Amino acid sequence: MKIIFTFFLFTITPLFAQSDCKDIHINTDNRTGIVKFESPLAFDMQYSKIITKEGDSSILLYLQMVVSYTNTNEKGCILYLSDSSKLEFPEQQVTITSMPLFRYKYSTVLTLSPANVTKLLQVSIVDFKLHIHNSTVRPVLTKKKNAKQLSDYLRCILKGVKN
């Protein structure tokens, strides 16, 4: 008598690795006519697209990190890209918010130019710096599936649709 074992192999995709346009949130302000498309906050980054009533649009990239010390009047942001290049925003204002346990949240919102958007569609962000502080999620960003998720979110935001 032979016993046959059958193994079913399947892959469970973690929730954070999904990159569907269905994750995009769409908000419309009926008073101003502004439509806002937002990706989920992933790896301390979030893309959004704002379309005004007149049809003008802006692509934004929100960045945040938590650090243990701070200075005042801090400026500057650098995006490090997978092709070893970088996008620099030396005059970008960084907002600092106090948190419990002597920690501080650094955040900023970059308005991306069409050239920046084109570059980010071709290569991925592997790290970023706000003022003098590097991202705390660098090992996560260098994984290809995570970089692809962020790129997919940018593509969804640009399409301005929800599948």
C-alpha atoms as a PDB file:
ATOM      1  CA  MET A   1       0.000   0.000   0.000  1.00  0.00           C
ATOM      2  CA  LYS A   2       1.416   3.341  -1.064  1.00  0.00           C
ATOM      3  CA  ILE A   3       0.650   6.546   0.681  1.00  0.00           C
ATOM      4  CA  ILE A   4       0.819   9.617  -1.479  1.00  0.00           C
ATOM      5  CA  PHE A   5       1.347  12.957   0.125  1.00  0.00           C
ATOM      6  CA  THR A   6       0.394  16.023  -1.764  1.00  0.00           C
ATOM      7  CA  PHE A   7       1.774  19.348  -0.730  1.00  0.00           C
ATOM      8  CA  PHE A   8       0.105  22.526  -1.765  1.00  0.00           C
ATOM      9  CA  LEU A   9       2.512  25.384  -1.934  1.00  0.00           C
ATOM     10  CA  PHE A  10       1.134  28.846  -1.879  1.00  0.00           C
ATOM     11  CA  THR A  11       2.391  32.254  -1.072  1.00  0.00           C
ATOM     12  CA  ILE A  12       0.804  34.508   1.425  1.00  0.00           C
ATOM     13  CA  THR A  13       1.440  38.085   0.444  1.00  0.00           C
ATOM     14  CA  PRO A  14       1.787  40.257   3.500  1.00  0.00           C
ATOM     15  CA  LEU A  15      -0.670  43.104   3.738  1.00  0.00           C
ATOM     16  CA  PHE A  16       2.078  45.716   3.568  1.00  0.00           C
ATOM     17  CA  ALA A  17       3.379  44.338   0.254  1.00  0.00           C
ATOM     18  CA  GLN A  18       0.143  44.810  -1.671  1.00  0.00           C
ATOM     19  CA  SER A  19       0.241  47.669  -4.125  1.00  0.00           C
ATOM     20  CA  ASP A  20      -3.175  47.993  -5.663  1.00  0.00           C
ATOM     21  CA  CYS A  21      -4.847  51.185  -6.762  1.00  0.00           C
ATOM     22  CA  LYS A  22      -7.766  50.101  -4.593  1.00  0.00           C
ATOM     23  CA  ASP A  23      -5.708  51.333  -1.628  1.00  0.00           C
ATOM     24  CA  ILE A  24      -5.884  54.917  -2.893  1.00  0.00           C
ATOM     25  CA  HIS A  25      -8.233  57.194  -0.958  1.00  0.00           C
ATOM     26  CA  ILE A  26     -10.166  59.853  -2.863  1.00  0.00           C
ATOM     27  CA  ASN A  27     -11.559  62.897  -1.067  1.00  0.00           C
ATOM     28  CA  THR A  28     -13.547  65.709  -2.667  1.00  0.00           C
ATOM     29  CA  ASP A  29     -14.134  69.023  -0.934  1.00  0.00           C
ATOM     30  CA  ASN A  30     -17.562  70.085  -2.188  1.00  0.00           C
ATOM     31  CA  ARG A  31     -17.016  73.647  -0.995  1.00  0.00           C
ATOM     32  CA  THR A  32     -13.725  74.286  -2.847  1.00  0.00           C
ATOM     33  CA  GLY A  33     -13.977  71.651  -5.573  1.00  0.00           C
ATOM     34  CA  ILE A  34     -10.530  70.260  -4.675  1.00  0.00           C
ATOM     35  CA  VAL A  35     -10.062  66.530  -5.286  1.00  0.00           C
ATOM     36  CA  LYS A  36      -7.319  64.760  -3.349  1.00  0.00           C
ATOM     37  CA  PHE A  37      -5.940  61.283  -4.106  1.00  0.00           C
ATOM     38  CA  GLU A  38      -3.857  59.775  -1.286  1.00  0.00           C
ATOM     39  CA  SER A  39      -1.840  56.597  -1.071  1.00  0.00           C
ATOM     40  CA  PRO A  40      -1.528  54.867   2.293  1.00  0.00           C
ATOM     41  CA  LEU A  41       1.395  55.882   4.482  1.00  0.00           C
ATOM     42  CA  ALA A  42       3.998  53.229   3.674  1.00  0.00           C
ATOM     43  CA  PHE A  43       7.557  53.125   4.996  1.00  0.00           C
ATOM     44  CA  ASP A  44       7.190  56.683   6.362  1.00  0.00           C
ATOM     45  CA  MET A  45       6.202  58.037   2.918  1.00  0.00           C
ATOM     46  CA  GLN A  46       2.914  58.953   1.299  1.00  0.00           C
ATOM     47  CA  TYR A  47       2.100  60.217  -2.192  1.00  0.00           C
ATOM     48  CA  SER A  48      -0.845  62.455  -2.944  1.00  0.00           C
ATOM     49  CA  LYS A  49      -2.269  64.337  -5.884  1.00  0.00           C
ATOM     50  CA  ILE A  50      -4.359  67.468  -5.535  1.00  0.00           C
ATOM     51  CA  ILE A  51      -6.555  68.673  -8.373  1.00  0.00           C
ATOM     52  CA  THR A  52      -8.082  72.134  -8.085  1.00  0.00           C
ATOM     53  CA  LYS A  53     -11.503  73.142  -9.381  1.00  0.00           C
ATOM     54  CA  GLU A  54      -9.730  74.789 -12.332  1.00  0.00           C
ATOM     55  CA  GLY A  55      -8.009  71.500 -13.226  1.00  0.00           C
ATOM     56  CA  ASP A  56      -4.488  72.357 -11.998  1.00  0.00           C
ATOM     57  CA  SER A  57      -2.763  69.502 -10.235  1.00  0.00           C
ATOM     58  CA  SER A  58       0.168  68.964  -7.889  1.00  0.00           C
ATOM     59  CA  ILE A  59       1.969  65.767  -6.895  1.00  0.00           C
ATOM     60  CA  LEU A  60       3.108  65.736  -3.276  1.00  0.00           C
ATOM     61  CA  LEU A  61       5.362  63.425  -1.273  1.00  0.00           C
ATOM     62  CA  TYR A  62       4.941  63.393   2.509  1.00  0.00           C
ATOM     63  CA  LEU A  63       7.946  62.131   4.505  1.00  0.00           C
ATOM     64  CA  GLN A  64       8.246  61.519   8.234  1.00  0.00           C
ATOM     65  CA  MET A  65      10.641  60.014  10.755  1.00  0.00           C
ATOM     66  CA  VAL A  66      11.054  59.834  14.506  1.00  0.00           C
ATOM     67  CA  VAL A  67      14.365  60.889  16.085  1.00  0.00           C
ATOM     68  CA  SER A  68      15.661  61.184  19.626  1.00  0.00           C
ATOM     69  CA  TYR A  69      17.093  64.710  19.476  1.00  0.00           C
ATOM     70  CA  THR A  70      16.307  67.937  17.684  1.00  0.00           C
ATOM     71  CA  ASN A  71      17.474  71.395  16.796  1.00  0.00           C
ATOM     72  CA  THR A  72      15.381  74.348  15.676  1.00  0.00           C
ATOM     73  CA  ASN A  73      14.804  75.961  12.282  1.00  0.00           C
ATOM     74  CA  GLU A  74      15.823  72.858  10.404  1.00  0.00           C
ATOM     75  CA  LYS A  75      15.684  72.682   6.621  1.00  0.00           C
ATOM     76  CA  GLY A  76      16.671  70.335   3.858  1.00  0.00           C
ATOM     77  CA  CYS A  77      15.572  67.045   2.367  1.00  0.00           C
ATOM     78  CA  ILE A  78      17.404  64.519   0.209  1.00  0.00           C
ATOM     79  CA  LEU A  79      15.890  61.507  -1.560  1.00  0.00           C
ATOM     80  CA  TYR A  80      18.450  58.772  -2.276  1.00  0.00           C
ATOM     81  CA  LEU A  81      17.538  56.743  -5.364  1.00  0.00           C
ATOM     82  CA  SER A  82      18.234  53.185  -6.516  1.00  0.00           C
ATOM     83  CA  ASP A  83      20.467  54.358  -9.380  1.00  0.00           C
ATOM     84  CA  SER A  84      22.811  56.044  -6.834  1.00  0.00           C
ATOM     85  CA  SER A  85      21.557  59.512  -7.741  1.00  0.00           C
ATOM     86  CA  LYS A  86      19.673  61.810  -5.401  1.00  0.00           C
ATOM     87  CA  LEU A  87      17.044  64.525  -5.483  1.00  0.00           C
ATOM     88  CA  GLU A  88      17.955  67.433  -3.232  1.00  0.00           C
ATOM     89  CA  PHE A  89      15.634  70.020  -1.698  1.00  0.00           C
ATOM     90  CA  PRO A  90      18.027  72.175   0.401  1.00  0.00           C
ATOM     91  CA  GLU A  91      15.476  74.864   1.300  1.00  0.00           C
ATOM     92  CA  GLN A  92      12.657  72.463   2.204  1.00  0.00           C
ATOM     93  CA  GLN A  93      11.227  73.351   5.612  1.00  0.00           C
ATOM     94  CA  VAL A  94      11.092  70.467   8.103  1.00  0.00           C
ATOM     95  CA  THR A  95       8.336  70.458  10.736  1.00  0.00           C
ATOM     96  CA  ILE A  96       9.248  69.160  14.177  1.00  0.00           C
ATOM     97  CA  THR A  97       6.607  67.784  16.549  1.00  0.00           C
ATOM     98  CA  SER A  98       7.288  66.729  20.140  1.00  0.00           C
ATOM     99  CA  MET A  99       6.320  63.178  21.025  1.00  0.00           C
ATOM    100  CA  PRO A 100       6.298  61.203  24.298  1.00  0.00           C
ATOM    101  CA  LEU A 101       9.518  59.772  25.753  1.00  0.00           C
ATOM    102  CA  PHE A 102      11.766  62.548  24.454  1.00  0.00           C
ATOM    103  CA  ARG A 103      11.238  61.762  20.810  1.00  0.00           C
ATOM    104  CA  TYR A 104      10.535  64.105  17.912  1.00  0.00           C
ATOM    105  CA  LYS A 105       8.695  63.588  14.657  1.00  0.00           C
ATOM    106  CA  TYR A 106      10.303  65.236  11.661  1.00  0.00           C
ATOM    107  CA  SER A 107       8.047  65.683   8.650  1.00  0.00           C
ATOM    108  CA  THR A 108       7.836  67.576   5.393  1.00  0.00           C
ATOM    109  CA  VAL A 109       5.709  67.703   2.255  1.00  0.00           C
ATOM    110  CA  LEU A 110       7.590  67.982  -1.034  1.00  0.00           C
ATOM    111  CA  THR A 111       5.891  69.376  -4.113  1.00  0.00           C
ATOM    112  CA  LEU A 112       7.335  67.259  -6.914  1.00  0.00           C
ATOM    113  CA  SER A 113       8.131  68.817 -10.278  1.00  0.00           C
ATOM    114  CA  PRO A 114       7.249  66.922 -13.477  1.00  0.00           C
ATOM    115  CA  ALA A 115      10.970  66.060 -13.808  1.00  0.00           C
ATOM    116  CA  ASN A 116      11.030  64.679 -10.239  1.00  0.00           C
ATOM    117  CA  VAL A 117       7.934  62.563 -10.929  1.00  0.00           C
ATOM    118  CA  THR A 118       9.456  61.195 -14.147  1.00  0.00           C
ATOM    119  CA  LYS A 119      12.641  60.285 -12.273  1.00  0.00           C
ATOM    120  CA  LEU A 120      10.687  58.556  -9.458  1.00  0.00           C
ATOM    121  CA  LEU A 121       8.777  56.498 -12.021  1.00  0.00           C
ATOM    122  CA  GLN A 122      12.090  55.229 -13.422  1.00  0.00           C
ATOM    123  CA  VAL A 123      13.965  54.558 -10.173  1.00  0.00           C
ATOM    124  CA  SER A 124      12.923  53.950  -6.587  1.00  0.00           C
ATOM    125  CA  ILE A 125      13.641  55.748  -3.335  1.00  0.00           C
ATOM    126  CA  VAL A 126      16.004  53.690  -1.170  1.00  0.00           C
ATOM    127  CA  ASP A 127      16.507  56.197   1.645  1.00  0.00           C
ATOM    128  CA  PHE A 128      15.786  59.779   2.565  1.00  0.00           C
ATOM    129  CA  LYS A 129      17.196  62.413   4.872  1.00  0.00           C
ATOM    130  CA  LEU A 130      15.384  65.214   6.669  1.00  0.00           C
ATOM    131  CA  HIS A 131      17.866  67.857   7.762  1.00  0.00           C
ATOM    132  CA  ILE A 132      20.701  65.707   9.178  1.00  0.00           C
ATOM    133  CA  HIS A 133      18.631  62.637  10.050  1.00  0.00           C
ATOM    134  CA  ASN A 134      18.506  59.579   7.788  1.00  0.00           C
ATOM    135  CA  SER A 135      15.363  57.515   7.440  1.00  0.00           C
ATOM    136  CA  THR A 136      14.871  54.835  10.058  1.00  0.00           C
ATOM    137  CA  VAL A 137      13.330  52.408   7.548  1.00  0.00           C
ATOM    138  CA  ARG A 138      16.255  52.095   5.120  1.00  0.00           C
ATOM    139  CA  PRO A 139      16.535  48.268   5.223  1.00  0.00           C
ATOM    140  CA  VAL A 140      12.832  48.060   4.364  1.00  0.00           C
ATOM    141  CA  LEU A 141      13.132  50.484   1.451  1.00  0.00           C
ATOM    142  CA  THR A 142      15.952  48.607  -0.234  1.00  0.00           C
ATOM    143  CA  LYS A 143      13.773  45.519  -0.696  1.00  0.00           C
ATOM    144  CA  LYS A 144      12.524  45.442  -4.276  1.00  0.00           C
ATOM    145  CA  LYS A 145       8.939  44.527  -3.400  1.00  0.00           C
ATOM    146  CA  ASN A 146       8.672  47.518  -1.063  1.00  0.00           C
ATOM    147  CA  ALA A 147      10.194  49.867  -3.612  1.00  0.00           C
ATOM    148  CA  LYS A 148       7.750  48.507  -6.187  1.00  0.00           C
ATOM    149  CA  GLN A 149       4.839  49.178  -3.841  1.00  0.00           C
ATOM    150  CA  LEU A 150       5.837  52.829  -3.520  1.00  0.00           C
ATOM    151  CA  SER A 151       6.300  53.130  -7.296  1.00  0.00           C
ATOM    152  CA  ASP A 152       2.888  51.538  -7.852  1.00  0.00           C
ATOM    153  CA  TYR A 153       1.316  54.021  -5.453  1.00  0.00           C
ATOM    154  CA  LEU A 154       2.858  56.872  -7.439  1.00  0.00           C
ATOM    155  CA  ARG A 155       1.496  55.399 -10.686  1.00  0.00           C
ATOM    156  CA  CYS A 156      -1.980  55.078  -9.141  1.00  0.00           C
ATOM    157  CA  ILE A 157      -1.867  58.648  -7.878  1.00  0.00           C
ATOM    158  CA  LEU A 158      -0.868  59.864 -11.350  1.00  0.00           C
ATOM    159  CA  LYS A 159      -3.734  57.941 -12.946  1.00  0.00           C
ATOM    160  CA  GLY A 160      -6.068  59.474 -10.402  1.00  0.00           C
ATOM    161  CA  VAL A 161      -8.300  56.447 -10.468  1.00  0.00           C
ATOM    162  CA  LYS A 162      -9.269  53.642  -8.187  1.00  0.00           C
ATOM    163  CA  ASN A 163      -9.446  50.137  -9.661  1.00  0.00           C
END
